[in-house]
Amino acid sequence: MSKPSKAKFCVGQLIHHKLFDYRGIILGVDLEFKSTDEWYNEVAKSRPPKDEPWYHVLIHQKGYQTYVAEQNLQLDPAVQN
């Protein structure tokens, strides 16, 4: 097992999801995947790496939280972080 990566984003940063085109705010950071294999197989269709950071994200204007791999996120281009 490789050593967990350093997180690129931190709590409070505004992000944009590259694949699903939504904005959100980082609520929490896991340096590696912390959910279940069942969740990963059902939801993480692009099969992002489990040994890289994952983020708890509150989706803007939807009011619910999701869990996202770092590779699918970028800083929100609409704001200065």
Protein backbone atom coordinates (compact mmCIF):
# COMPACT_ATOMS: atom_id res chain seq x y z
CA MET A 1 0.00 0.00 0.00
CA SER A 2 1.42 3.38 -0.97
CA LYS A 3 1.72 6.35 1.34
CA PRO A 4 -1.31 8.68 1.19
CA SER A 5 -0.91 11.81 -0.89
CA LYS A 6 -1.00 15.35 0.39
CA ALA A 7 -4.41 16.95 -0.16
CA LYS A 8 -4.56 19.60 -2.88
CA PHE A 9 -7.68 21.29 -1.42
CA CYS A 10 -8.68 22.22 2.13
CA VAL A 11 -11.84 22.73 4.17
CA GLY A 12 -13.68 25.87 3.08
CA GLN A 13 -12.37 26.02 -0.47
CA LEU A 14 -14.85 26.41 -3.32
CA ILE A 15 -14.47 23.77 -5.99
CA HIS A 16 -15.86 22.73 -9.37
CA HIS A 17 -16.48 19.09 -10.31
CA LYS A 18 -14.81 18.43 -13.68
CA LEU A 19 -17.11 15.60 -14.79
CA PHE A 20 -20.50 16.62 -13.40
CA ASP A 21 -20.12 20.40 -13.71
CA TYR A 22 -21.29 21.46 -10.27
CA ARG A 23 -19.87 23.86 -7.72
CA GLY A 24 -19.41 23.09 -4.05
CA ILE A 25 -17.49 23.71 -0.86
CA ILE A 26 -15.04 21.33 0.80
CA LEU A 27 -16.39 20.18 4.19
CA GLY A 28 -13.80 17.50 4.97
CA VAL A 29 -10.74 15.72 3.61
CA ASP A 30 -9.66 12.06 3.72
CA LEU A 31 -6.09 11.43 2.56
CA GLU A 32 -7.31 8.15 1.09
CA PHE A 33 -10.70 6.61 0.31
CA LYS A 34 -12.67 5.93 3.51
CA SER A 35 -16.04 4.68 2.30
CA THR A 36 -17.13 1.10 1.56
CA ASP A 37 -16.18 -1.05 -1.42
CA GLU A 38 -19.91 -1.38 -2.12
CA TRP A 39 -20.27 2.42 -2.38
CA TYR A 40 -17.16 2.65 -4.59
CA ASN A 41 -18.39 -0.06 -6.97
CA GLU A 42 -21.87 1.45 -7.20
CA VAL A 43 -21.08 5.19 -7.34
CA ALA A 44 -17.47 5.79 -8.42
CA LYS A 45 -18.00 4.85 -12.05
CA SER A 46 -14.73 6.45 -13.27
CA ARG A 47 -12.81 4.26 -10.76
CA PRO A 48 -10.63 7.01 -9.28
CA PRO A 49 -7.67 5.87 -7.17
CA LYS A 50 -8.45 4.94 -3.57
CA ASP A 51 -4.96 5.83 -2.34
CA GLU A 52 -5.27 9.52 -3.24
CA PRO A 53 -7.29 12.20 -1.37
CA TRP A 54 -11.09 12.18 -1.32
CA TYR A 55 -13.31 15.07 -0.24
CA HIS A 56 -16.65 15.57 1.49
CA VAL A 57 -18.33 18.26 -0.61
CA LEU A 58 -21.52 20.24 -0.04
CA ILE A 59 -23.04 20.81 -3.48
CA HIS A 60 -23.99 24.44 -4.16
CA GLN A 61 -27.75 25.04 -4.47
CA LYS A 62 -28.57 21.36 -3.91
CA GLY A 63 -28.16 21.16 -0.15
CA TYR A 64 -26.67 17.69 -0.03
CA GLN A 65 -23.22 16.28 0.53
CA THR A 66 -21.21 13.98 -1.72
CA TYR A 67 -17.85 12.23 -1.64
CA VAL A 68 -15.44 13.05 -4.46
CA ALA A 69 -12.00 11.93 -5.57
CA GLU A 70 -9.39 14.67 -5.90
CA GLN A 71 -8.79 13.89 -9.59
CA ASN A 72 -12.35 15.04 -10.36
CA LEU A 73 -12.02 18.44 -8.69
CA GLN A 74 -10.54 21.80 -9.56
CA LEU A 75 -10.68 25.17 -7.85
CA ASP A 76 -13.90 26.98 -8.72
CA PRO A 77 -12.89 29.21 -11.65
CA ALA A 78 -15.63 31.73 -10.79
CA VAL A 79 -13.97 32.83 -7.55
CA GLN A 80 -10.59 33.81 -6.17
CA ASN A 81 -9.75 31.23 -3.47
